[in-house]
C-alpha atoms as a PDB file:
ATOM      1  CA  UNK A   1      16.211  15.811  -0.531  1.00  0.00           C
ATOM      2  CA  UNK A   2      13.245  14.386   1.329  1.00  0.00           C
ATOM      3  CA  UNK A   3      10.919  12.327  -1.902  1.00  0.00           C
ATOM      4  CA  UNK A   4       8.124  11.553   1.088  1.00  0.00           C
ATOM      5  CA  UNK A   5       7.087  12.498   4.746  1.00  0.00           C
ATOM      6  CA  UNK A   6       4.037  11.405   6.973  1.00  0.00           C
ATOM      7  CA  UNK A   7       4.136  13.082  10.675  1.00  0.00           C
ATOM      8  CA  UNK A   8       2.513  10.442  13.150  1.00  0.00           C
ATOM      9  CA  UNK A   9       2.454  10.249  16.912  1.00  0.00           C
ATOM     10  CA  UNK A  10       5.828   8.785  17.164  1.00  0.00           C
ATOM     11  CA  UNK A  11       7.556  11.586  15.322  1.00  0.00           C
ATOM     12  CA  UNK A  12       7.990  12.606  11.370  1.00  0.00           C
ATOM     13  CA  UNK A  13       8.618   9.976   9.028  1.00  0.00           C
ATOM     14  CA  UNK A  14      10.561  10.458   5.601  1.00  0.00           C
ATOM     15  CA  UNK A  15      12.190   8.851   2.591  1.00  0.00           C
ATOM     16  CA  UNK A  16      14.845  10.349   0.911  1.00  0.00           C
ATOM     17  CA  UNK A  17      16.207  10.258  -2.504  1.00  0.00           C
ATOM     18  CA  UNK A  18      18.442   7.214  -1.425  1.00  0.00           C
ATOM     19  CA  UNK A  19      15.276   5.326  -0.102  1.00  0.00           C
ATOM     20  CA  UNK A  20      16.060   5.536   3.185  1.00  0.00           C
ATOM     21  CA  UNK A  21      13.200   5.749   5.759  1.00  0.00           C
ATOM     22  CA  UNK A  22      13.765   7.957   8.642  1.00  0.00           C
ATOM     23  CA  UNK A  23      11.850   8.772  11.855  1.00  0.00           C
ATOM     24  CA  UNK A  24      12.543  12.158  13.613  1.00  0.00           C
ATOM     25  CA  UNK A  25      11.674  12.430  16.874  1.00  0.00           C
ATOM     26  CA  UNK A  26      12.923  13.911  20.538  1.00  0.00           C
ATOM     27  CA  UNK A  27      15.957  11.614  20.169  1.00  0.00           C
ATOM     28  CA  UNK A  28      16.375  13.043  16.559  1.00  0.00           C
ATOM     29  CA  UNK A  29      17.123  10.778  13.882  1.00  0.00           C
ATOM     30  CA  UNK A  30      17.129   6.885  13.155  1.00  0.00           C
ATOM     31  CA  UNK A  31      17.102   4.956  10.173  1.00  0.00           C
ATOM     32  CA  UNK A  32      14.179   2.230  10.052  1.00  0.00           C
ATOM     33  CA  UNK A  33      14.826   0.916   6.485  1.00  0.00           C
ATOM     34  CA  UNK A  34      16.442   1.008   3.279  1.00  0.00           C
ATOM     35  CA  UNK A  35      15.107   0.930  -0.606  1.00  0.00           C
ATOM     36  CA  UNK A  36      11.747   2.002   0.264  1.00  0.00           C
ATOM     37  CA  UNK A  37       9.213   3.367  -2.031  1.00  0.00           C
ATOM     38  CA  UNK A  38       8.269   6.771  -1.035  1.00  0.00           C
ATOM     39  CA  UNK A  39       4.461   5.996  -0.525  1.00  0.00           C
ATOM     40  CA  UNK A  40       3.653   5.606   3.313  1.00  0.00           C
ATOM     41  CA  UNK A  41       0.186   4.643   4.656  1.00  0.00           C
ATOM     42  CA  UNK A  42       0.024   5.682   7.989  1.00  0.00           C
ATOM     43  CA  UNK A  43      -3.168   4.237  10.626  1.00  0.00           C
ATOM     44  CA  UNK A  44      -2.950   5.964  13.486  1.00  0.00           C
ATOM     45  CA  UNK A  45      -5.299   4.044  15.470  1.00  0.00           C
ATOM     46  CA  UNK A  46      -2.739   0.973  15.412  1.00  0.00           C
ATOM     47  CA  UNK A  47       0.242   3.260  14.926  1.00  0.00           C
ATOM     48  CA  UNK A  48       1.016   1.346  11.929  1.00  0.00           C
ATOM     49  CA  UNK A  49       3.051   2.079   8.619  1.00  0.00           C
ATOM     50  CA  UNK A  50       2.725   0.364   5.439  1.00  0.00           C
ATOM     51  CA  UNK A  51       5.328   1.117   2.696  1.00  0.00           C
ATOM     52  CA  UNK A  52       6.824  -0.539  -0.377  1.00  0.00           C
ATOM     53  CA  UNK A  53      10.346  -1.738  -0.570  1.00  0.00           C
ATOM     54  CA  UNK A  54      12.184  -2.338  -3.690  1.00  0.00           C
ATOM     55  CA  UNK A  55      13.549  -6.549  -4.386  1.00  0.00           C
ATOM     56  CA  UNK A  56      15.535  -7.885  -6.793  1.00  0.00           C
ATOM     57  CA  UNK A  57      12.508  -8.414  -8.897  1.00  0.00           C
ATOM     58  CA  UNK A  58      10.029  -5.290  -8.362  1.00  0.00           C
ATOM     59  CA  UNK A  59       8.447  -4.381  -4.670  1.00  0.00           C
ATOM     60  CA  UNK A  60       7.365  -6.047  -1.949  1.00  0.00           C
ATOM     61  CA  UNK A  61       4.709  -4.694   0.843  1.00  0.00           C
ATOM     62  CA  UNK A  62       6.039  -3.947   4.094  1.00  0.00           C
ATOM     63  CA  UNK A  63       3.986  -3.011   7.690  1.00  0.00           C
ATOM     64  CA  UNK A  64       5.842  -1.672  10.503  1.00  0.00           C
ATOM     65  CA  UNK A  65       4.521  -1.186  13.788  1.00  0.00           C
ATOM     66  CA  UNK A  66       5.816   2.392  15.565  1.00  0.00           C
ATOM     67  CA  UNK A  67       5.024   1.045  18.730  1.00  0.00           C
ATOM     68  CA  UNK A  68       7.082  -1.574  19.017  1.00  0.00           C
ATOM     69  CA  UNK A  69       9.439  -1.467  15.843  1.00  0.00           C
ATOM     70  CA  UNK A  70       8.606  -5.155  14.672  1.00  0.00           C
ATOM     71  CA  UNK A  71       8.400  -5.739  10.807  1.00  0.00           C
ATOM     72  CA  UNK A  72       6.451  -7.649   8.580  1.00  0.00           C
ATOM     73  CA  UNK A  73       6.425  -8.616   5.324  1.00  0.00           C
ATOM     74  CA  UNK A  74       3.105  -8.744   3.976  1.00  0.00           C
ATOM     75  CA  UNK A  75       3.663  -9.783   0.279  1.00  0.00           C
ATOM     76  CA  UNK A  76       6.332 -12.614  -1.061  1.00  0.00           C
ATOM     77  CA  UNK A  77       4.780 -14.062  -4.529  1.00  0.00           C
ATOM     78  CA  UNK A  78       4.042 -11.043  -6.039  1.00  0.00           C
ATOM     79  CA  UNK A  79       6.611  -9.140  -8.454  1.00  0.00           C
ATOM     80  CA  UNK A  80       5.209  -5.599  -7.856  1.00  0.00           C
ATOM     81  CA  UNK A  81       3.277  -4.229  -4.519  1.00  0.00           C
ATOM     82  CA  UNK A  82       2.607  -0.566  -4.797  1.00  0.00           C
ATOM     83  CA  UNK A  83       0.538   2.666  -3.798  1.00  0.00           C
ATOM     84  CA  UNK A  84      -0.832   0.994  -0.084  1.00  0.00           C
ATOM     85  CA  UNK A  85      -3.681   2.276   1.494  1.00  0.00           C
ATOM     86  CA  UNK A  86      -4.710   1.457   5.011  1.00  0.00           C
ATOM     87  CA  UNK A  87      -8.000   1.113   6.732  1.00  0.00           C
ATOM     88  CA  UNK A  88      -8.527   3.314   9.476  1.00  0.00           C
ATOM     89  CA  UNK A  89      -9.079   0.736  11.795  1.00  0.00           C
ATOM     90  CA  UNK A  90      -5.506  -0.687  10.468  1.00  0.00           C
ATOM     91  CA  UNK A  91      -6.986  -3.846   9.530  1.00  0.00           C
ATOM     92  CA  UNK A  92      -6.873  -4.191   5.774  1.00  0.00           C
ATOM     93  CA  UNK A  93      -4.612  -3.236   3.438  1.00  0.00           C
ATOM     94  CA  UNK A  94      -5.300  -2.581  -0.142  1.00  0.00           C
ATOM     95  CA  UNK A  95      -2.840  -1.951  -2.732  1.00  0.00           C
ATOM     96  CA  UNK A  96      -1.905  -2.431  -6.287  1.00  0.00           C
ATOM     97  CA  UNK A  97       0.064  -5.500  -7.434  1.00  0.00           C
ATOM     98  CA  UNK A  98       0.902  -7.977  -9.891  1.00  0.00           C
ATOM     99  CA  UNK A  99       2.512 -11.324 -10.167  1.00  0.00           C
ATOM    100  CA  UNK A 100       4.785 -13.363 -12.597  1.00  0.00           C
ATOM    101  CA  UNK A 101       1.917 -14.506 -14.542  1.00  0.00           C
ATOM    102  CA  UNK A 102       0.239 -11.418 -15.061  1.00  0.00           C
ATOM    103  CA  UNK A 103       1.455  -8.435 -17.328  1.00  0.00           C
ATOM    104  CA  UNK A 104      -1.255  -6.173 -15.566  1.00  0.00           C
ATOM    105  CA  UNK A 105      -1.844  -4.613 -12.269  1.00  0.00           C
ATOM    106  CA  UNK A 106      -4.729  -5.775 -10.449  1.00  0.00           C
ATOM    107  CA  UNK A 107      -6.075  -4.262  -6.559  1.00  0.00           C
ATOM    108  CA  UNK A 108      -5.116  -6.967  -3.769  1.00  0.00           C
ATOM    109  CA  UNK A 109      -6.604  -6.485  -0.095  1.00  0.00           C
ATOM    110  CA  UNK A 110      -4.927  -7.961   2.854  1.00  0.00           C
ATOM    111  CA  UNK A 111      -6.153  -8.645   6.037  1.00  0.00           C
ATOM    112  CA  UNK A 112      -3.525  -7.836   8.412  1.00  0.00           C
ATOM    113  CA  UNK A 113      -5.133 -10.404  11.279  1.00  0.00           C
ATOM    114  CA  UNK A 114      -4.961 -13.307   8.989  1.00  0.00           C
ATOM    115  CA  UNK A 115      -2.493 -12.489   6.902  1.00  0.00           C
ATOM    116  CA  UNK A 116      -3.827 -13.236   4.071  1.00  0.00           C
ATOM    117  CA  UNK A 117      -3.457 -11.990  -0.201  1.00  0.00           C
ATOM    118  CA  UNK A 118      -6.194 -11.820  -2.304  1.00  0.00           C
ATOM    119  CA  UNK A 119      -6.789  -9.956  -5.724  1.00  0.00           C
ATOM    120  CA  UNK A 120      -9.963  -8.338  -6.289  1.00  0.00           C
ATOM    121  CA  UNK A 121     -10.033  -7.750  -9.958  1.00  0.00           C
ATOM    122  CA  UNK A 122      -8.072  -7.612 -13.195  1.00  0.00           C
ATOM    123  CA  UNK A 123      -7.896 -11.100 -13.336  1.00  0.00           C
ATOM    124  CA  UNK A 124      -7.697 -12.584 -16.835  1.00  0.00           C
ATOM    125  CA  UNK A 125      -8.683  -9.703 -18.617  1.00  0.00           C
ATOM    126  CA  UNK A 126      -6.654  -7.803 -20.896  1.00  0.00           C
ATOM    127  CA  UNK A 127      -5.926  -3.978 -20.756  1.00  0.00           C
ATOM    128  CA  UNK A 128      -8.712  -2.128 -22.236  1.00  0.00           C
ATOM    129  CA  UNK A 129     -11.391  -5.422 -22.395  1.00  0.00           C
ATOM    130  CA  UNK A 130     -14.508  -5.393 -20.571  1.00  0.00           C
ATOM    131  CA  UNK A 131     -14.343  -5.591 -16.570  1.00  0.00           C
ATOM    132  CA  UNK A 132     -10.547  -4.101 -16.948  1.00  0.00           C
ATOM    133  CA  UNK A 133     -10.704  -1.451 -14.232  1.00  0.00           C
ATOM    134  CA  UNK A 134      -7.706   1.425 -14.362  1.00  0.00           C
ATOM    135  CA  UNK A 135      -5.389   1.618 -11.865  1.00  0.00           C
ATOM    136  CA  UNK A 136      -5.003   4.680  -9.856  1.00  0.00           C
ATOM    137  CA  UNK A 137      -3.062   7.683 -10.725  1.00  0.00           C
ATOM    138  CA  UNK A 138      -0.124   8.936  -8.965  1.00  0.00           C
ATOM    139  CA  UNK A 139      -1.819   8.758  -5.397  1.00  0.00           C
ATOM    140  CA  UNK A 140      -5.341   8.502  -5.658  1.00  0.00           C
ATOM    141  CA  UNK A 141      -5.638   5.158  -4.018  1.00  0.00           C
ATOM    142  CA  UNK A 142      -7.776   5.734  -0.784  1.00  0.00           C
ATOM    143  CA  UNK A 143      -9.886   4.144   1.722  1.00  0.00           C
ATOM    144  CA  UNK A 144     -13.041   6.741   2.628  1.00  0.00           C
ATOM    145  CA  UNK A 145     -14.001   4.463   5.410  1.00  0.00           C
ATOM    146  CA  UNK A 146     -12.885   0.910   6.889  1.00  0.00           C
ATOM    147  CA  UNK A 147     -14.472  -0.989   4.001  1.00  0.00           C
ATOM    148  CA  UNK A 148     -14.728   1.309   1.182  1.00  0.00           C
ATOM    149  CA  UNK A 149     -12.077   2.091  -1.032  1.00  0.00           C
ATOM    150  CA  UNK A 150     -11.808   5.039  -3.826  1.00  0.00           C
ATOM    151  CA  UNK A 151      -9.645   5.894  -6.608  1.00  0.00           C
ATOM    152  CA  UNK A 152      -9.476   8.158  -9.664  1.00  0.00           C
ATOM    153  CA  UNK A 153      -7.837   6.811 -12.461  1.00  0.00           C
ATOM    154  CA  UNK A 154      -7.522   7.850 -16.445  1.00  0.00           C
ATOM    155  CA  UNK A 155     -11.319   6.600 -17.521  1.00  0.00           C
ATOM    156  CA  UNK A 156     -12.744   8.342 -14.237  1.00  0.00           C
ATOM    157  CA  UNK A 157     -13.426   7.663 -10.485  1.00  0.00           C
ATOM    158  CA  UNK A 158     -13.738   3.876  -9.101  1.00  0.00           C
ATOM    159  CA  UNK A 159     -15.229   2.772  -5.734  1.00  0.00           C
ATOM    160  CA  UNK A 160     -14.516  -0.604  -4.273  1.00  0.00           C
ATOM    161  CA  UNK A 161     -17.224  -2.037  -1.432  1.00  0.00           C
ATOM    162  CA  UNK A 162     -15.172  -4.862   0.567  1.00  0.00           C
ATOM    163  CA  UNK A 163     -18.010  -5.946   2.277  1.00  0.00           C
ATOM    164  CA  UNK A 164     -19.756  -7.180  -0.768  1.00  0.00           C
ATOM    165  CA  UNK A 165     -16.853  -8.852  -1.384  1.00  0.00           C
ATOM    166  CA  UNK A 166     -14.719  -5.954  -3.585  1.00  0.00           C
ATOM    167  CA  UNK A 167     -16.700  -5.703  -6.962  1.00  0.00           C
ATOM    168  CA  UNK A 168     -15.459  -2.723  -8.363  1.00  0.00           C
ATOM    169  CA  UNK A 169     -18.258   0.206  -9.600  1.00  0.00           C
END
């Protein structure tokens, strides 16, 4: 049973109930990865796929070039990284995550050119406290331009304009 699928310029990607990521193209189906969380984000401009992969302590974020099949782990210091969203130009990845010292999730940004991961919100705040920003509901986390991220949460719609240092509004 397929739990996620995505049509790309290279073929159709799918994740099955066992977490196996496969690509179906004119040559048939081939396995690309295992332990994949079915949250795929694709930027056609650079033929890049980003997805979370389960680890022994949570999940890590992985970038896979579909043009040459190179793989790069984007997060290593976090206990969780999920709901990735690639900017349309493929330069940035926004995602929700947490580290071992933080019990609540926050929005992170990875600049793919520099490989730098930075946390944008929910630092040093408690759930429900002033300044706390709700994570997205289901798969509503998305880029609406190369620098603006939007998501719908239980408390309403949020926007982060990354050209203004990502301050949630």
